[in-house]
Amino acid sequence: MDTFALIKILILAAVAFIVTMAWTPLLTNVLYRYKLGKQIRDEAAAPIFSKLHAKKSGTPTMGGLLIWVTTLVLATIFAYVWLFAPESAIGRLNFLTRSQTLLPLGALVASALVGLLDDYYNVRRIGPRGGGLRIRHRLAIYTAIAIVGAWWFFVKLGWDLIHVPFIGDFNIGWWYVPLFIFIIVATAFSVNEADGLDGLAGGVLLTSFGAYATIALLQGKNELAAFCAVIVGALLAFLWFNINPARFFMGDTGAMGLGVTLGVVAM
């Protein structure tokens, strides 16, 4: 294991935690001031979901901004410094690379922006059944994002292998593309269903990204491990305010963005 890579990962996680904690009061103030509260889906359309989440109606959403904005800002700053001073202390913290982290970061931002629009429609009750984008529109958009990711992995990077723990690697050829699309879409919507209950989505994502950071580090994919570590640091800060009683929830901008990203990292 690369000692510097491990130290870099720990530093990045700590920086992400501190930065996220620092601007949380600002975002919290905005969410409460403009009453950007969670609106529960129509009970007839989703009775079980509505029953579980009814008590959380009105709790501010869009808290996922804390996570993906922090990740994007740190990635941009460190990459910019690295371009001009690659051997500097800050430049060496860069974790943005074409082969490992460019696609996960792009998927995170693209999915989060779509989720942000969906959140806005929901809190303003724009759209059917309590507000938000129609499910078929959301499915189409996130499938399109997954298709772009599948093309990048299969065509640009030449990946067509899946690894089964304790068994080995399997070359599945073009079947990698539909498998990739299924994993991304399924993971995204699964994480989204977990959001809305105190600490649930954040806790699941924290353990998942923490596990993938460890796996990536052991496989020598240091930049990917660093990327996951930044998300872990931001998630820790988010959970500080999301555990019972939750001050806010991720919203689609966090849950869908991180769900898509988790699927990309896994593939």
C-alpha atoms as a PDB file:
ATOM      1  CA  MET A   1       0.000   0.000   0.000  1.00  0.00           C
ATOM      2  CA  ASP A   2       1.259   3.460  -0.943  1.00  0.00           C
ATOM      3  CA  THR A   3       1.834   5.383   2.302  1.00  0.00           C
ATOM      4  CA  PHE A   4       1.538   8.777   0.612  1.00  0.00           C
ATOM      5  CA  ALA A   5      -1.746   7.738  -1.003  1.00  0.00           C
ATOM      6  CA  LEU A   6      -3.136   6.757   2.392  1.00  0.00           C
ATOM      7  CA  ILE A   7      -2.063  10.059   3.958  1.00  0.00           C
ATOM      8  CA  LYS A   8      -3.509  11.948   0.981  1.00  0.00           C
ATOM      9  CA  ILE A   9      -6.832  10.163   1.369  1.00  0.00           C
ATOM     10  CA  LEU A  10      -7.050  10.963   5.074  1.00  0.00           C
ATOM     11  CA  ILE A  11      -6.168  14.619   4.459  1.00  0.00           C
ATOM     12  CA  LEU A  12      -8.764  14.964   1.700  1.00  0.00           C
ATOM     13  CA  ALA A  13     -11.466  13.376   3.857  1.00  0.00           C
ATOM     14  CA  ALA A  14     -10.622  15.770   6.691  1.00  0.00           C
ATOM     15  CA  VAL A  15     -10.607  18.792   4.377  1.00  0.00           C
ATOM     16  CA  ALA A  16     -13.973  17.781   2.896  1.00  0.00           C
ATOM     17  CA  PHE A  17     -15.432  17.385   6.387  1.00  0.00           C
ATOM     18  CA  ILE A  18     -14.175  20.806   7.526  1.00  0.00           C
ATOM     19  CA  VAL A  19     -15.293  22.606   4.363  1.00  0.00           C
ATOM     20  CA  THR A  20     -18.747  21.015   4.476  1.00  0.00           C
ATOM     21  CA  MET A  21     -19.194  21.866   8.151  1.00  0.00           C
ATOM     22  CA  ALA A  22     -18.094  25.437   7.449  1.00  0.00           C
ATOM     23  CA  TRP A  23     -20.791  26.241   4.903  1.00  0.00           C
ATOM     24  CA  THR A  24     -23.607  24.127   6.350  1.00  0.00           C
ATOM     25  CA  PRO A  25     -25.009  27.053   8.432  1.00  0.00           C
ATOM     26  CA  LEU A  26     -25.254  29.156   5.267  1.00  0.00           C
ATOM     27  CA  LEU A  27     -27.174  26.499   3.344  1.00  0.00           C
ATOM     28  CA  THR A  28     -29.370  25.705   6.351  1.00  0.00           C
ATOM     29  CA  ASN A  29     -30.324  29.362   6.651  1.00  0.00           C
ATOM     30  CA  VAL A  30     -31.271  29.500   2.965  1.00  0.00           C
ATOM     31  CA  LEU A  31     -33.325  26.281   3.140  1.00  0.00           C
ATOM     32  CA  TYR A  32     -35.340  27.500   6.127  1.00  0.00           C
ATOM     33  CA  ARG A  33     -35.653  31.111   5.001  1.00  0.00           C
ATOM     34  CA  TYR A  34     -37.124  30.166   1.635  1.00  0.00           C
ATOM     35  CA  LYS A  35     -39.110  27.238   3.086  1.00  0.00           C
ATOM     36  CA  LEU A  36     -37.615  24.654   0.747  1.00  0.00           C
ATOM     37  CA  GLY A  37     -39.380  21.838   2.574  1.00  0.00           C
ATOM     38  CA  LYS A  38     -39.983  18.243   1.595  1.00  0.00           C
ATOM     39  CA  GLN A  39     -43.370  17.512   0.038  1.00  0.00           C
ATOM     40  CA  ILE A  40     -44.670  13.961   0.424  1.00  0.00           C
ATOM     41  CA  ARG A  41     -45.886  12.123  -2.661  1.00  0.00           C
ATOM     42  CA  ASP A  42     -49.573  11.639  -3.260  1.00  0.00           C
ATOM     43  CA  GLU A  43     -50.813   8.940  -0.850  1.00  0.00           C
ATOM     44  CA  ALA A  44     -52.838   7.143  -3.506  1.00  0.00           C
ATOM     45  CA  ALA A  45     -49.752   6.754  -5.702  1.00  0.00           C
ATOM     46  CA  ALA A  46     -47.384   5.558  -2.971  1.00  0.00           C
ATOM     47  CA  PRO A  47     -49.292   4.662   0.248  1.00  0.00           C
ATOM     48  CA  ILE A  48     -46.442   2.873   2.058  1.00  0.00           C
ATOM     49  CA  PHE A  49     -43.906   5.573   1.220  1.00  0.00           C
ATOM     50  CA  SER A  50     -46.343   8.284   2.306  1.00  0.00           C
ATOM     51  CA  LYS A  51     -47.014   6.593   5.651  1.00  0.00           C
ATOM     52  CA  LEU A  52     -43.314   6.205   6.472  1.00  0.00           C
ATOM     53  CA  HIS A  53     -42.407   9.750   5.500  1.00  0.00           C
ATOM     54  CA  ALA A  54     -45.521  11.655   6.631  1.00  0.00           C
ATOM     55  CA  LYS A  55     -43.951  12.994   9.849  1.00  0.00           C
ATOM     56  CA  LYS A  56     -41.055  14.478   7.859  1.00  0.00           C
ATOM     57  CA  SER A  57     -43.233  16.603   5.608  1.00  0.00           C
ATOM     58  CA  GLY A  58     -41.942  20.168   5.541  1.00  0.00           C
ATOM     59  CA  THR A  59     -38.394  19.282   6.608  1.00  0.00           C
ATOM     60  CA  PRO A  60     -35.985  21.160   4.315  1.00  0.00           C
ATOM     61  CA  THR A  61     -34.565  19.187   1.413  1.00  0.00           C
ATOM     62  CA  MET A  62     -31.666  19.830  -1.017  1.00  0.00           C
ATOM     63  CA  GLY A  63     -29.116  19.139   1.739  1.00  0.00           C
ATOM     64  CA  GLY A  64     -27.245  16.999  -0.778  1.00  0.00           C
ATOM     65  CA  LEU A  65     -25.812  20.246  -2.140  1.00  0.00           C
ATOM     66  CA  LEU A  66     -23.385  20.110   0.774  1.00  0.00           C
ATOM     67  CA  ILE A  67     -21.863  16.897  -0.524  1.00  0.00           C
ATOM     68  CA  TRP A  68     -21.609  17.275  -4.277  1.00  0.00           C
ATOM     69  CA  VAL A  69     -20.797  20.993  -4.319  1.00  0.00           C
ATOM     70  CA  THR A  70     -17.994  20.442  -1.802  1.00  0.00           C
ATOM     71  CA  THR A  71     -16.646  17.555  -3.889  1.00  0.00           C
ATOM     72  CA  LEU A  72     -16.798  19.582  -7.109  1.00  0.00           C
ATOM     73  CA  VAL A  73     -15.166  22.665  -5.571  1.00  0.00           C
ATOM     74  CA  LEU A  74     -12.316  20.699  -3.997  1.00  0.00           C
ATOM     75  CA  ALA A  75     -11.714  18.733  -7.207  1.00  0.00           C
ATOM     76  CA  THR A  76     -11.592  21.970  -9.209  1.00  0.00           C
ATOM     77  CA  ILE A  77      -9.274  23.785  -6.799  1.00  0.00           C
ATOM     78  CA  PHE A  78      -6.778  20.956  -6.446  1.00  0.00           C
ATOM     79  CA  ALA A  79      -6.776  20.250 -10.199  1.00  0.00           C
ATOM     80  CA  TYR A  80      -6.226  23.931 -10.988  1.00  0.00           C
ATOM     81  CA  VAL A  81      -3.317  24.206  -8.550  1.00  0.00           C
ATOM     82  CA  TRP A  82      -1.836  20.964  -9.918  1.00  0.00           C
ATOM     83  CA  LEU A  83      -1.794  22.404 -13.453  1.00  0.00           C
ATOM     84  CA  PHE A  84       0.461  25.276 -12.400  1.00  0.00           C
ATOM     85  CA  ALA A  85       2.288  23.802  -9.405  1.00  0.00           C
ATOM     86  CA  PRO A  86       2.157  19.988  -9.573  1.00  0.00           C
ATOM     87  CA  GLU A  87       4.855  19.522  -6.927  1.00  0.00           C
ATOM     88  CA  SER A  88       3.300  21.895  -4.392  1.00  0.00           C
ATOM     89  CA  ALA A  89       1.630  20.543  -1.262  1.00  0.00           C
ATOM     90  CA  ILE A  90      -1.816  21.551  -2.510  1.00  0.00           C
ATOM     91  CA  GLY A  91      -1.161  20.400  -6.068  1.00  0.00           C
ATOM     92  CA  ARG A  92      -0.243  16.914  -4.881  1.00  0.00           C
ATOM     93  CA  LEU A  93      -3.711  16.591  -3.368  1.00  0.00           C
ATOM     94  CA  ASN A  94      -5.217  16.583  -6.868  1.00  0.00           C
ATOM     95  CA  PHE A  95      -7.365  13.516  -7.483  1.00  0.00           C
ATOM     96  CA  LEU A  96      -8.936  14.392 -10.845  1.00  0.00           C
ATOM     97  CA  THR A  97      -7.757  12.045 -13.627  1.00  0.00           C
ATOM     98  CA  ARG A  98      -9.270  10.979 -16.952  1.00  0.00           C
ATOM     99  CA  SER A  99      -8.958   7.259 -16.296  1.00  0.00           C
ATOM    100  CA  GLN A 100     -10.293   7.111 -12.730  1.00  0.00           C
ATOM    101  CA  THR A 101     -12.311  10.080 -11.518  1.00  0.00           C
ATOM    102  CA  LEU A 102     -13.416  12.284 -14.417  1.00  0.00           C
ATOM    103  CA  LEU A 103     -16.459  10.158 -15.249  1.00  0.00           C
ATOM    104  CA  PRO A 104     -17.587   9.654 -11.613  1.00  0.00           C
ATOM    105  CA  LEU A 105     -17.328  13.390 -10.980  1.00  0.00           C
ATOM    106  CA  GLY A 106     -19.155  14.220 -14.211  1.00  0.00           C
ATOM    107  CA  ALA A 107     -21.894  11.711 -13.400  1.00  0.00           C
ATOM    108  CA  LEU A 108     -22.201  13.159  -9.897  1.00  0.00           C
ATOM    109  CA  VAL A 109     -22.640  16.731 -11.107  1.00  0.00           C
ATOM    110  CA  ALA A 110     -24.974  15.900 -14.018  1.00  0.00           C
ATOM    111  CA  SER A 111     -27.242  13.694 -11.905  1.00  0.00           C
ATOM    112  CA  ALA A 112     -27.215  16.137  -9.004  1.00  0.00           C
ATOM    113  CA  LEU A 113     -28.290  19.019 -11.249  1.00  0.00           C
ATOM    114  CA  VAL A 114     -31.228  16.995 -12.556  1.00  0.00           C
ATOM    115  CA  GLY A 115     -32.095  16.110  -8.966  1.00  0.00           C
ATOM    116  CA  LEU A 116     -31.870  19.762  -7.967  1.00  0.00           C
ATOM    117  CA  LEU A 117     -34.438  20.659 -10.617  1.00  0.00           C
ATOM    118  CA  ASP A 118     -36.665  17.829  -9.403  1.00  0.00           C
ATOM    119  CA  ASP A 119     -36.333  19.056  -5.800  1.00  0.00           C
ATOM    120  CA  TYR A 120     -37.275  22.587  -6.801  1.00  0.00           C
ATOM    121  CA  TYR A 121     -40.341  21.357  -8.659  1.00  0.00           C
ATOM    122  CA  ASN A 122     -41.289  19.283  -5.613  1.00  0.00           C
ATOM    123  CA  VAL A 123     -41.044  22.050  -3.006  1.00  0.00           C
ATOM    124  CA  ARG A 124     -42.919  24.456  -5.285  1.00  0.00           C
ATOM    125  CA  ARG A 125     -45.480  21.746  -6.117  1.00  0.00           C
ATOM    126  CA  ILE A 126     -44.836  22.000  -9.833  1.00  0.00           C
ATOM    127  CA  GLY A 127     -45.872  18.826 -11.611  1.00  0.00           C
ATOM    128  CA  PRO A 128     -48.229  15.900 -10.983  1.00  0.00           C
ATOM    129  CA  ARG A 129     -48.961  14.117  -7.684  1.00  0.00           C
ATOM    130  CA  GLY A 130     -47.550  16.665  -5.290  1.00  0.00           C
ATOM    131  CA  GLY A 131     -44.848  18.074  -7.534  1.00  0.00           C
ATOM    132  CA  GLY A 132     -41.615  16.983  -9.173  1.00  0.00           C
ATOM    133  CA  LEU A 133     -40.605  15.487 -12.489  1.00  0.00           C
ATOM    134  CA  ARG A 134     -42.655  12.593 -13.808  1.00  0.00           C
ATOM    135  CA  ILE A 135     -41.130   9.214 -13.054  1.00  0.00           C
ATOM    136  CA  ARG A 136     -40.815   8.358 -16.743  1.00  0.00           C
ATOM    137  CA  HIS A 137     -38.918  11.594 -17.372  1.00  0.00           C
ATOM    138  CA  ARG A 138     -36.567  10.910 -14.459  1.00  0.00           C
ATOM    139  CA  LEU A 139     -36.021   7.349 -15.637  1.00  0.00           C
ATOM    140  CA  ALA A 140     -35.255   8.532 -19.170  1.00  0.00           C
ATOM    141  CA  ILE A 141     -32.788  11.193 -18.005  1.00  0.00           C
ATOM    142  CA  TYR A 142     -30.864   8.940 -15.638  1.00  0.00           C
ATOM    143  CA  THR A 143     -30.830   6.149 -18.210  1.00  0.00           C
ATOM    144  CA  ALA A 144     -29.311   8.612 -20.693  1.00  0.00           C
ATOM    145  CA  ILE A 145     -26.613   9.501 -18.152  1.00  0.00           C
ATOM    146  CA  ALA A 146     -25.954   5.789 -17.627  1.00  0.00           C
ATOM    147  CA  ILE A 147     -25.665   5.235 -21.395  1.00  0.00           C
ATOM    148  CA  VAL A 148     -23.021   7.955 -21.639  1.00  0.00           C
ATOM    149  CA  GLY A 149     -21.143   6.342 -18.767  1.00  0.00           C
ATOM    150  CA  ALA A 150     -21.382   2.892 -20.348  1.00  0.00           C
ATOM    151  CA  TRP A 151     -20.036   4.265 -23.635  1.00  0.00           C
ATOM    152  CA  TRP A 152     -17.129   5.944 -21.845  1.00  0.00           C
ATOM    153  CA  PHE A 153     -16.155   2.793 -19.951  1.00  0.00           C
ATOM    154  CA  PHE A 154     -16.629   0.356 -22.845  1.00  0.00           C
ATOM    155  CA  VAL A 155     -15.409   2.424 -25.814  1.00  0.00           C
ATOM    156  CA  LYS A 156     -13.027   5.037 -24.407  1.00  0.00           C
ATOM    157  CA  LEU A 157     -11.494   3.019 -21.575  1.00  0.00           C
ATOM    158  CA  GLY A 158     -11.960  -0.452 -23.072  1.00  0.00           C
ATOM    159  CA  TRP A 159     -13.460  -1.993 -19.947  1.00  0.00           C
ATOM    160  CA  ASP A 160     -15.477  -5.182 -20.369  1.00  0.00           C
ATOM    161  CA  LEU A 161     -14.519  -7.150 -17.256  1.00  0.00           C
ATOM    162  CA  ILE A 162     -16.440  -7.797 -14.065  1.00  0.00           C
ATOM    163  CA  HIS A 163     -14.735  -8.998 -10.912  1.00  0.00           C
ATOM    164  CA  VAL A 164     -16.414 -11.569  -8.682  1.00  0.00           C
ATOM    165  CA  PRO A 165     -14.767 -11.720  -5.230  1.00  0.00           C
ATOM    166  CA  PHE A 166     -12.996 -14.995  -4.430  1.00  0.00           C
ATOM    167  CA  ILE A 167     -13.715 -16.302  -7.950  1.00  0.00           C
ATOM    168  CA  GLY A 168     -11.995 -14.046 -10.464  1.00  0.00           C
ATOM    169  CA  ASP A 169     -12.505 -11.775 -13.473  1.00  0.00           C
ATOM    170  CA  PHE A 170     -14.937 -12.457 -16.296  1.00  0.00           C
ATOM    171  CA  ASN A 171     -14.823 -10.911 -19.762  1.00  0.00           C
ATOM    172  CA  ILE A 172     -18.449 -10.278 -20.725  1.00  0.00           C
ATOM    173  CA  GLY A 173     -17.841  -8.236 -23.875  1.00  0.00           C
ATOM    174  CA  TRP A 174     -20.654  -5.931 -24.992  1.00  0.00           C
ATOM    175  CA  TRP A 175     -22.904  -7.273 -22.215  1.00  0.00           C
ATOM    176  CA  TYR A 176     -20.955  -4.859 -20.022  1.00  0.00           C
ATOM    177  CA  VAL A 177     -23.020  -1.996 -21.496  1.00  0.00           C
ATOM    178  CA  PRO A 178     -26.551  -3.131 -20.466  1.00  0.00           C
ATOM    179  CA  LEU A 179     -25.196  -4.363 -17.122  1.00  0.00           C
ATOM    180  CA  PHE A 180     -23.623  -0.951 -16.507  1.00  0.00           C
ATOM    181  CA  ILE A 181     -26.874   0.845 -17.349  1.00  0.00           C
ATOM    182  CA  PHE A 182     -28.917  -1.434 -15.079  1.00  0.00           C
ATOM    183  CA  ILE A 183     -26.529  -1.043 -12.123  1.00  0.00           C
ATOM    184  CA  ILE A 184     -26.449   2.750 -12.393  1.00  0.00           C
ATOM    185  CA  VAL A 185     -30.212   3.240 -12.674  1.00  0.00           C
ATOM    186  CA  ALA A 186     -31.068   0.635 -10.026  1.00  0.00           C
ATOM    187  CA  THR A 187     -28.560   2.017  -7.523  1.00  0.00           C
ATOM    188  CA  ALA A 188     -29.704   5.602  -8.047  1.00  0.00           C
ATOM    189  CA  PHE A 189     -33.386   4.912  -7.449  1.00  0.00           C
ATOM    190  CA  SER A 190     -32.633   2.592  -4.517  1.00  0.00           C
ATOM    191  CA  VAL A 191     -30.652   5.299  -2.728  1.00  0.00           C
ATOM    192  CA  ASN A 192     -33.382   7.818  -3.499  1.00  0.00           C
ATOM    193  CA  GLU A 193     -35.977   5.680  -1.724  1.00  0.00           C
ATOM    194  CA  ALA A 194     -33.792   5.645   1.410  1.00  0.00           C
ATOM    195  CA  ASP A 195     -33.709   9.443   1.616  1.00  0.00           C
ATOM    196  CA  GLY A 196     -36.288  11.132   3.824  1.00  0.00           C
ATOM    197  CA  LEU A 197     -35.673   9.213   7.061  1.00  0.00           C
ATOM    198  CA  ASP A 198     -33.164  10.487   9.612  1.00  0.00           C
ATOM    199  CA  GLY A 199     -29.648   9.332   8.774  1.00  0.00           C
ATOM    200  CA  LEU A 200     -30.711   6.411   6.566  1.00  0.00           C
ATOM    201  CA  ALA A 201     -29.478   7.410   3.102  1.00  0.00           C
ATOM    202  CA  GLY A 202     -26.406   9.152   4.506  1.00  0.00           C
ATOM    203  CA  GLY A 203     -25.466   6.148   6.620  1.00  0.00           C
ATOM    204  CA  VAL A 204     -25.854   3.703   3.742  1.00  0.00           C
ATOM    205  CA  LEU A 205     -23.801   5.901   1.415  1.00  0.00           C
ATOM    206  CA  LEU A 206     -21.131   6.529   4.052  1.00  0.00           C
ATOM    207  CA  THR A 207     -20.432   2.827   4.532  1.00  0.00           C
ATOM    208  CA  SER A 208     -20.627   2.158   0.783  1.00  0.00           C
ATOM    209  CA  PHE A 209     -18.216   4.891  -0.294  1.00  0.00           C
ATOM    210  CA  GLY A 210     -15.948   4.052   2.642  1.00  0.00           C
ATOM    211  CA  ALA A 211     -15.811   0.438   1.490  1.00  0.00           C
ATOM    212  CA  TYR A 212     -15.089   1.401  -2.117  1.00  0.00           C
ATOM    213  CA  ALA A 213     -12.389   3.829  -0.996  1.00  0.00           C
ATOM    214  CA  THR A 214     -10.684   0.934   0.783  1.00  0.00           C
ATOM    215  CA  ILE A 215     -11.100  -1.431  -2.169  1.00  0.00           C
ATOM    216  CA  ALA A 216      -9.789   1.157  -4.637  1.00  0.00           C
ATOM    217  CA  LEU A 217      -6.773   1.846  -2.433  1.00  0.00           C
ATOM    218  CA  LEU A 218      -5.951  -1.867  -2.181  1.00  0.00           C
ATOM    219  CA  GLN A 219      -6.234  -2.155  -5.980  1.00  0.00           C
ATOM    220  CA  GLY A 220      -3.851   0.756  -6.500  1.00  0.00           C
ATOM    221  CA  LYS A 221      -6.536   3.106  -7.836  1.00  0.00           C
ATOM    222  CA  ASN A 222      -5.393   5.916  -5.579  1.00  0.00           C
ATOM    223  CA  GLU A 223      -7.248   8.788  -7.257  1.00  0.00           C
ATOM    224  CA  LEU A 224     -10.541   6.898  -7.168  1.00  0.00           C
ATOM    225  CA  ALA A 225      -9.926   6.113  -3.499  1.00  0.00           C
ATOM    226  CA  ALA A 226      -9.265   9.810  -2.863  1.00  0.00           C
ATOM    227  CA  PHE A 227     -12.474  10.761  -4.685  1.00  0.00           C
ATOM    228  CA  CYS A 228     -14.476   8.376  -2.499  1.00  0.00           C
ATOM    229  CA  ALA A 229     -12.711   9.724   0.595  1.00  0.00           C
ATOM    230  CA  VAL A 230     -13.780  13.284  -0.225  1.00  0.00           C
ATOM    231  CA  ILE A 231     -17.389  12.122  -0.474  1.00  0.00           C
ATOM    232  CA  VAL A 232     -17.006  10.246   2.828  1.00  0.00           C
ATOM    233  CA  GLY A 233     -15.719  13.378   4.542  1.00  0.00           C
ATOM    234  CA  ALA A 234     -18.604  15.445   3.199  1.00  0.00           C
ATOM    235  CA  LEU A 235     -21.096  12.731   4.181  1.00  0.00           C
ATOM    236  CA  LEU A 236     -19.799  12.716   7.753  1.00  0.00           C
ATOM    237  CA  ALA A 237     -20.494  16.439   8.012  1.00  0.00           C
ATOM    238  CA  PHE A 238     -23.909  15.984   6.396  1.00  0.00           C
ATOM    239  CA  LEU A 239     -24.831  13.235   8.863  1.00  0.00           C
ATOM    240  CA  TRP A 240     -23.940  15.527  11.754  1.00  0.00           C
ATOM    241  CA  PHE A 241     -27.082  17.492  10.865  1.00  0.00           C
ATOM    242  CA  ASN A 242     -29.115  14.642   9.365  1.00  0.00           C
ATOM    243  CA  ILE A 243     -29.326  12.252  12.317  1.00  0.00           C
ATOM    244  CA  ASN A 244     -32.439  12.363  14.495  1.00  0.00           C
ATOM    245  CA  PRO A 245     -33.864  14.976  14.578  1.00  0.00           C
ATOM    246  CA  ALA A 246     -32.816  15.778  11.024  1.00  0.00           C
ATOM    247  CA  ARG A 247     -32.280  19.444  10.183  1.00  0.00           C
ATOM    248  CA  PHE A 248     -32.616  18.649   6.476  1.00  0.00           C
ATOM    249  CA  PHE A 249     -32.551  15.786   3.978  1.00  0.00           C
ATOM    250  CA  MET A 250     -30.449  15.126   0.893  1.00  0.00           C
ATOM    251  CA  GLY A 251     -33.235  15.514  -1.586  1.00  0.00           C
ATOM    252  CA  ASP A 252     -32.924  14.156  -5.109  1.00  0.00           C
ATOM    253  CA  THR A 253     -29.926  16.396  -5.728  1.00  0.00           C
ATOM    254  CA  GLY A 254     -28.006  14.341  -3.181  1.00  0.00           C
ATOM    255  CA  ALA A 255     -29.628  10.917  -3.307  1.00  0.00           C
ATOM    256  CA  MET A 256     -29.802  10.566  -7.092  1.00  0.00           C
ATOM    257  CA  GLY A 257     -26.422  12.192  -7.655  1.00  0.00           C
ATOM    258  CA  LEU A 258     -24.657  10.003  -5.117  1.00  0.00           C
ATOM    259  CA  GLY A 259     -26.627   6.922  -6.154  1.00  0.00           C
ATOM    260  CA  VAL A 260     -25.497   7.270  -9.764  1.00  0.00           C
ATOM    261  CA  THR A 261     -21.941   7.953  -8.617  1.00  0.00           C
ATOM    262  CA  LEU A 262     -21.913   4.910  -6.347  1.00  0.00           C
ATOM    263  CA  GLY A 263     -22.939   2.737  -9.286  1.00  0.00           C
ATOM    264  CA  VAL A 264     -20.220   4.228 -11.492  1.00  0.00           C
ATOM    265  CA  VAL A 265     -17.573   3.667  -8.813  1.00  0.00           C
ATOM    266  CA  ALA A 266     -18.733   0.080  -8.355  1.00  0.00           C
ATOM    267  CA  MET A 267     -18.398  -0.635 -12.079  1.00  0.00           C
END
